[in-house]
Amino acid sequence: MRQRITNPKIAHIEEPILKGIAQKTYRYVHPDVATAFAIMAAGCAFASYISTKSNPAFFLLASVFVGVHYVMDGIDGKIAKLRGMDTPGTSNYRPYGWHIDKAADFISAMFFIAGFFWAVTGNMTFTGTLTGLFVIGYIQLMTYSSKSQKDLVMGGTESRLGLIALNVIAYVACTVF
């Protein structure tokens, strides 16, 4: 069993909300569908970032997609748990669910990082370098996590809230200055 190591500062607020959404949807939404919607939301955020040169309001649309990603990513594991998919010995058990979630998190983070830095810099070298550094760090983190059986979480909630704040700042900067 993996030990989850995380310390989100707003967990006491977000957990009841996400659990409530998962409890209302787990009979109708498969966790892989929630994960797919999370990836699609990240892809839509990326497309929004690419479109910010034509209209800065796309920064705000990207924020909406970051929010959709947050909810979908937050409920996929809870849905799996409610369906018994994370419990060894049950008929629904899927030992690979954690790997699917981590791959989806990686893809989504790449969309967010590459899209945001492309939108604010327009520089492919800078964007590629930062995205490459993220890939290297993520691979090292996942290697450690797999070897130690610890699920390290890097403040996903805080980073998404930070990204939404940066989107609003970028929008204001583009429209005011």
C-alpha atoms as a PDB file:
ATOM      1  CA  MET A   1       0.000   0.000   0.000  1.00  0.00           C
ATOM      2  CA  ARG A   2       1.339   3.416  -0.981  1.00  0.00           C
ATOM      3  CA  GLN A   3       1.880   6.022   1.693  1.00  0.00           C
ATOM      4  CA  ARG A   4       0.499   9.384   0.545  1.00  0.00           C
ATOM      5  CA  ILE A   5       2.685  12.315   1.518  1.00  0.00           C
ATOM      6  CA  THR A   6       0.981  15.640   1.032  1.00  0.00           C
ATOM      7  CA  ASN A   7       0.180  18.763   2.956  1.00  0.00           C
ATOM      8  CA  PRO A   8      -2.275  20.874   1.011  1.00  0.00           C
ATOM      9  CA  LYS A   9      -3.013  23.989   3.012  1.00  0.00           C
ATOM     10  CA  ILE A  10      -6.666  24.033   2.014  1.00  0.00           C
ATOM     11  CA  ALA A  11      -7.397  20.281   2.270  1.00  0.00           C
ATOM     12  CA  HIS A  12      -9.901  20.862   5.062  1.00  0.00           C
ATOM     13  CA  ILE A  13     -11.942  22.976   2.623  1.00  0.00           C
ATOM     14  CA  GLU A  14     -11.490  21.069  -0.628  1.00  0.00           C
ATOM     15  CA  GLU A  15     -11.786  17.479   0.590  1.00  0.00           C
ATOM     16  CA  PRO A  16     -15.449  17.659   1.696  1.00  0.00           C
ATOM     17  CA  ILE A  17     -16.384  19.372  -1.574  1.00  0.00           C
ATOM     18  CA  LEU A  18     -14.556  16.867  -3.789  1.00  0.00           C
ATOM     19  CA  LYS A  19     -15.832  13.909  -1.752  1.00  0.00           C
ATOM     20  CA  GLY A  20     -19.372  15.230  -2.124  1.00  0.00           C
ATOM     21  CA  ILE A  21     -19.006  15.520  -5.895  1.00  0.00           C
ATOM     22  CA  ALA A  22     -17.511  12.016  -6.084  1.00  0.00           C
ATOM     23  CA  GLN A  23     -20.308  10.541  -3.958  1.00  0.00           C
ATOM     24  CA  LYS A  24     -22.926  12.084  -6.238  1.00  0.00           C
ATOM     25  CA  THR A  25     -21.245  10.913  -9.461  1.00  0.00           C
ATOM     26  CA  TYR A  26     -19.446   7.614  -8.812  1.00  0.00           C
ATOM     27  CA  ARG A  27     -22.360   5.464 -10.015  1.00  0.00           C
ATOM     28  CA  TYR A  28     -22.435   7.275 -13.364  1.00  0.00           C
ATOM     29  CA  VAL A  29     -18.853   8.365 -13.993  1.00  0.00           C
ATOM     30  CA  HIS A  30     -15.987   5.890 -14.308  1.00  0.00           C
ATOM     31  CA  PRO A  31     -12.708   7.169 -12.799  1.00  0.00           C
ATOM     32  CA  ASP A  32     -11.013   6.863 -16.195  1.00  0.00           C
ATOM     33  CA  VAL A  33     -13.685   9.145 -17.678  1.00  0.00           C
ATOM     34  CA  ALA A  34     -13.003  11.731 -14.961  1.00  0.00           C
ATOM     35  CA  THR A  35      -9.279  11.409 -15.723  1.00  0.00           C
ATOM     36  CA  ALA A  36      -9.935  11.807 -19.464  1.00  0.00           C
ATOM     37  CA  PHE A  37     -11.985  14.946 -18.803  1.00  0.00           C
ATOM     38  CA  ALA A  38      -9.125  16.292 -16.665  1.00  0.00           C
ATOM     39  CA  ILE A  39      -6.674  15.777 -19.539  1.00  0.00           C
ATOM     40  CA  MET A  40      -9.114  17.334 -22.024  1.00  0.00           C
ATOM     41  CA  ALA A  41      -9.539  20.362 -19.752  1.00  0.00           C
ATOM     42  CA  ALA A  42      -5.751  20.743 -19.597  1.00  0.00           C
ATOM     43  CA  GLY A  43      -5.601  20.488 -23.400  1.00  0.00           C
ATOM     44  CA  CYS A  44      -8.298  23.159 -23.689  1.00  0.00           C
ATOM     45  CA  ALA A  45      -6.309  25.365 -21.295  1.00  0.00           C
ATOM     46  CA  PHE A  46      -3.274  24.876 -23.569  1.00  0.00           C
ATOM     47  CA  ALA A  47      -5.346  25.882 -26.618  1.00  0.00           C
ATOM     48  CA  SER A  48      -6.586  28.917 -24.693  1.00  0.00           C
ATOM     49  CA  TYR A  49      -3.017  29.925 -23.870  1.00  0.00           C
ATOM     50  CA  ILE A  50      -2.016  29.638 -27.509  1.00  0.00           C
ATOM     51  CA  SER A  51      -4.941  31.927 -28.399  1.00  0.00           C
ATOM     52  CA  THR A  52      -4.035  34.700 -25.931  1.00  0.00           C
ATOM     53  CA  LYS A  53      -2.097  36.594 -28.610  1.00  0.00           C
ATOM     54  CA  SER A  54      -5.385  37.203 -30.467  1.00  0.00           C
ATOM     55  CA  ASN A  55      -7.370  38.056 -27.322  1.00  0.00           C
ATOM     56  CA  PRO A  56      -6.076  38.282 -23.729  1.00  0.00           C
ATOM     57  CA  ALA A  57      -9.473  37.073 -22.443  1.00  0.00           C
ATOM     58  CA  PHE A  58      -8.231  33.584 -23.303  1.00  0.00           C
ATOM     59  CA  PHE A  59      -6.172  33.803 -20.081  1.00  0.00           C
ATOM     60  CA  LEU A  60      -9.489  33.857 -18.205  1.00  0.00           C
ATOM     61  CA  LEU A  61     -10.844  30.957 -20.259  1.00  0.00           C
ATOM     62  CA  ALA A  62      -7.672  29.024 -19.449  1.00  0.00           C
ATOM     63  CA  SER A  63      -8.465  29.626 -15.765  1.00  0.00           C
ATOM     64  CA  VAL A  64     -11.894  28.059 -16.224  1.00  0.00           C
ATOM     65  CA  PHE A  65     -10.279  24.981 -17.762  1.00  0.00           C
ATOM     66  CA  VAL A  66      -7.728  24.832 -14.940  1.00  0.00           C
ATOM     67  CA  GLY A  67     -10.692  24.782 -12.546  1.00  0.00           C
ATOM     68  CA  VAL A  68     -12.422  21.990 -14.481  1.00  0.00           C
ATOM     69  CA  HIS A  69      -9.161  20.043 -14.451  1.00  0.00           C
ATOM     70  CA  TYR A  70      -8.880  20.541 -10.699  1.00  0.00           C
ATOM     71  CA  VAL A  71     -12.325  19.073 -10.036  1.00  0.00           C
ATOM     72  CA  MET A  72     -11.946  16.127 -12.436  1.00  0.00           C
ATOM     73  CA  ASP A  73      -8.456  15.312 -11.186  1.00  0.00           C
ATOM     74  CA  GLY A  74      -9.681  15.620  -7.623  1.00  0.00           C
ATOM     75  CA  ILE A  75     -12.561  13.180  -7.988  1.00  0.00           C
ATOM     76  CA  ASP A  76     -11.067  10.407 -10.137  1.00  0.00           C
ATOM     77  CA  GLY A  77      -9.295   8.673  -7.256  1.00  0.00           C
ATOM     78  CA  LYS A  78     -12.238   9.223  -4.928  1.00  0.00           C
ATOM     79  CA  ILE A  79     -14.561   7.603  -7.480  1.00  0.00           C
ATOM     80  CA  ALA A  80     -12.164   4.647  -7.788  1.00  0.00           C
ATOM     81  CA  LYS A  81     -12.153   4.296  -4.009  1.00  0.00           C
ATOM     82  CA  LEU A  82     -15.958   4.419  -3.812  1.00  0.00           C
ATOM     83  CA  ARG A  83     -16.141   1.720  -6.502  1.00  0.00           C
ATOM     84  CA  GLY A  84     -13.614  -0.456  -4.651  1.00  0.00           C
ATOM     85  CA  MET A  85     -11.110  -0.186  -7.479  1.00  0.00           C
ATOM     86  CA  ASP A  86      -8.202   0.628  -5.172  1.00  0.00           C
ATOM     87  CA  THR A  87      -8.737  -2.268  -2.758  1.00  0.00           C
ATOM     88  CA  PRO A  88      -6.793  -5.504  -3.378  1.00  0.00           C
ATOM     89  CA  GLY A  89      -9.000  -8.575  -3.311  1.00  0.00           C
ATOM     90  CA  THR A  90     -12.137  -6.896  -4.649  1.00  0.00           C
ATOM     91  CA  SER A  91     -13.517  -7.833  -8.064  1.00  0.00           C
ATOM     92  CA  ASN A  92     -13.062  -4.241  -9.283  1.00  0.00           C
ATOM     93  CA  TYR A  93      -9.430  -3.904  -8.137  1.00  0.00           C
ATOM     94  CA  ARG A  94      -7.128  -2.212 -10.659  1.00  0.00           C
ATOM     95  CA  PRO A  95      -3.502  -2.032  -9.544  1.00  0.00           C
ATOM     96  CA  TYR A  96      -2.605   0.211 -12.475  1.00  0.00           C
ATOM     97  CA  GLY A  97      -4.996   3.067 -11.574  1.00  0.00           C
ATOM     98  CA  TRP A  98      -2.242   4.970  -9.766  1.00  0.00           C
ATOM     99  CA  HIS A  99      -0.060   4.835 -12.893  1.00  0.00           C
ATOM    100  CA  ILE A 100      -2.885   6.123 -15.091  1.00  0.00           C
ATOM    101  CA  ASP A 101      -3.433   9.014 -12.677  1.00  0.00           C
ATOM    102  CA  LYS A 102       0.261   9.926 -12.559  1.00  0.00           C
ATOM    103  CA  ALA A 103       0.550   9.799 -16.362  1.00  0.00           C
ATOM    104  CA  ALA A 104      -2.513  12.039 -16.649  1.00  0.00           C
ATOM    105  CA  ASP A 105      -1.064  14.461 -14.086  1.00  0.00           C
ATOM    106  CA  PHE A 106       2.177  14.595 -16.075  1.00  0.00           C
ATOM    107  CA  ILE A 107       0.430  15.265 -19.393  1.00  0.00           C
ATOM    108  CA  SER A 108      -1.770  17.926 -17.823  1.00  0.00           C
ATOM    109  CA  ALA A 109       1.163  19.664 -16.149  1.00  0.00           C
ATOM    110  CA  MET A 110       2.998  19.732 -19.484  1.00  0.00           C
ATOM    111  CA  PHE A 111      -0.018  21.412 -21.106  1.00  0.00           C
ATOM    112  CA  PHE A 112      -0.201  23.999 -18.318  1.00  0.00           C
ATOM    113  CA  ILE A 113       3.527  24.764 -18.203  1.00  0.00           C
ATOM    114  CA  ALA A 114       4.113  24.908 -21.947  1.00  0.00           C
ATOM    115  CA  GLY A 115       0.913  26.836 -22.613  1.00  0.00           C
ATOM    116  CA  PHE A 116       1.390  29.462 -19.923  1.00  0.00           C
ATOM    117  CA  PHE A 117       5.040  30.161 -20.670  1.00  0.00           C
ATOM    118  CA  TRP A 118       4.380  30.294 -24.403  1.00  0.00           C
ATOM    119  CA  ALA A 119       1.522  32.749 -23.780  1.00  0.00           C
ATOM    120  CA  VAL A 120       3.581  35.109 -21.623  1.00  0.00           C
ATOM    121  CA  THR A 121       6.908  34.901 -23.449  1.00  0.00           C
ATOM    122  CA  GLY A 122       6.197  33.814 -27.014  1.00  0.00           C
ATOM    123  CA  ASN A 123       9.675  32.282 -26.848  1.00  0.00           C
ATOM    124  CA  MET A 124       9.877  28.638 -27.880  1.00  0.00           C
ATOM    125  CA  THR A 125      13.413  28.179 -26.485  1.00  0.00           C
ATOM    126  CA  PHE A 126      12.440  29.459 -23.042  1.00  0.00           C
ATOM    127  CA  THR A 127       9.205  27.467 -23.048  1.00  0.00           C
ATOM    128  CA  GLY A 128      10.988  24.304 -24.201  1.00  0.00           C
ATOM    129  CA  THR A 129      13.726  24.696 -21.592  1.00  0.00           C
ATOM    130  CA  LEU A 130      11.282  25.115 -18.701  1.00  0.00           C
ATOM    131  CA  THR A 131       9.139  22.247 -19.942  1.00  0.00           C
ATOM    132  CA  GLY A 132      12.252  20.068 -20.277  1.00  0.00           C
ATOM    133  CA  LEU A 133      13.350  20.890 -16.731  1.00  0.00           C
ATOM    134  CA  PHE A 134       9.886  19.951 -15.522  1.00  0.00           C
ATOM    135  CA  VAL A 135      10.114  16.601 -17.341  1.00  0.00           C
ATOM    136  CA  ILE A 136      13.482  15.819 -15.740  1.00  0.00           C
ATOM    137  CA  GLY A 137      12.243  16.733 -12.258  1.00  0.00           C
ATOM    138  CA  TYR A 138       9.009  14.801 -12.688  1.00  0.00           C
ATOM    139  CA  ILE A 139      10.810  11.661 -13.849  1.00  0.00           C
ATOM    140  CA  GLN A 140      13.119  11.837 -10.830  1.00  0.00           C
ATOM    141  CA  LEU A 141      10.176  12.334  -8.482  1.00  0.00           C
ATOM    142  CA  MET A 142       8.225   9.411  -9.962  1.00  0.00           C
ATOM    143  CA  THR A 143      11.303   7.168  -9.845  1.00  0.00           C
ATOM    144  CA  TYR A 144      11.743   7.938  -6.148  1.00  0.00           C
ATOM    145  CA  SER A 145       8.020   7.537  -5.527  1.00  0.00           C
ATOM    146  CA  SER A 146       7.920   4.119  -7.214  1.00  0.00           C
ATOM    147  CA  LYS A 147      10.994   2.805  -5.404  1.00  0.00           C
ATOM    148  CA  SER A 148       9.913   4.044  -1.976  1.00  0.00           C
ATOM    149  CA  GLN A 149       6.191   3.217  -2.364  1.00  0.00           C
ATOM    150  CA  LYS A 150       5.400   6.787  -1.352  1.00  0.00           C
ATOM    151  CA  ASP A 151       2.946   8.908  -3.286  1.00  0.00           C
ATOM    152  CA  LEU A 152       4.513  12.357  -3.178  1.00  0.00           C
ATOM    153  CA  VAL A 153       2.124  15.134  -4.037  1.00  0.00           C
ATOM    154  CA  MET A 154       3.611  18.482  -4.979  1.00  0.00           C
ATOM    155  CA  GLY A 155       0.873  20.874  -3.871  1.00  0.00           C
ATOM    156  CA  GLY A 156      -1.406  20.425  -6.870  1.00  0.00           C
ATOM    157  CA  THR A 157      -4.163  22.530  -5.380  1.00  0.00           C
ATOM    158  CA  GLU A 158      -1.886  25.412  -4.520  1.00  0.00           C
ATOM    159  CA  SER A 159      -0.135  25.278  -7.898  1.00  0.00           C
ATOM    160  CA  ARG A 160      -3.472  25.380  -9.767  1.00  0.00           C
ATOM    161  CA  LEU A 161      -4.687  28.294  -7.643  1.00  0.00           C
ATOM    162  CA  GLY A 162      -1.369  30.011  -8.327  1.00  0.00           C
ATOM    163  CA  LEU A 163      -1.783  29.401 -12.051  1.00  0.00           C
ATOM    164  CA  ILE A 164      -5.274  30.886 -11.981  1.00  0.00           C
ATOM    165  CA  ALA A 165      -3.866  33.952 -10.169  1.00  0.00           C
ATOM    166  CA  LEU A 166      -1.082  34.251 -12.771  1.00  0.00           C
ATOM    167  CA  ASN A 167      -3.683  34.025 -15.539  1.00  0.00           C
ATOM    168  CA  VAL A 168      -5.658  36.898 -14.021  1.00  0.00           C
ATOM    169  CA  ILE A 169      -2.472  38.962 -13.618  1.00  0.00           C
ATOM    170  CA  ALA A 170      -1.473  38.250 -17.235  1.00  0.00           C
ATOM    171  CA  TYR A 171      -4.953  39.209 -18.446  1.00  0.00           C
ATOM    172  CA  VAL A 172      -4.886  42.486 -16.506  1.00  0.00           C
ATOM    173  CA  ALA A 173      -1.351  43.230 -17.699  1.00  0.00           C
ATOM    174  CA  CYS A 174      -2.354  42.631 -21.321  1.00  0.00           C
ATOM    175  CA  THR A 175      -5.485  44.767 -21.135  1.00  0.00           C
ATOM    176  CA  VAL A 176      -4.259  47.642 -18.958  1.00  0.00           C
ATOM    177  CA  PHE A 177      -0.699  48.152 -20.170  1.00  0.00           C
END
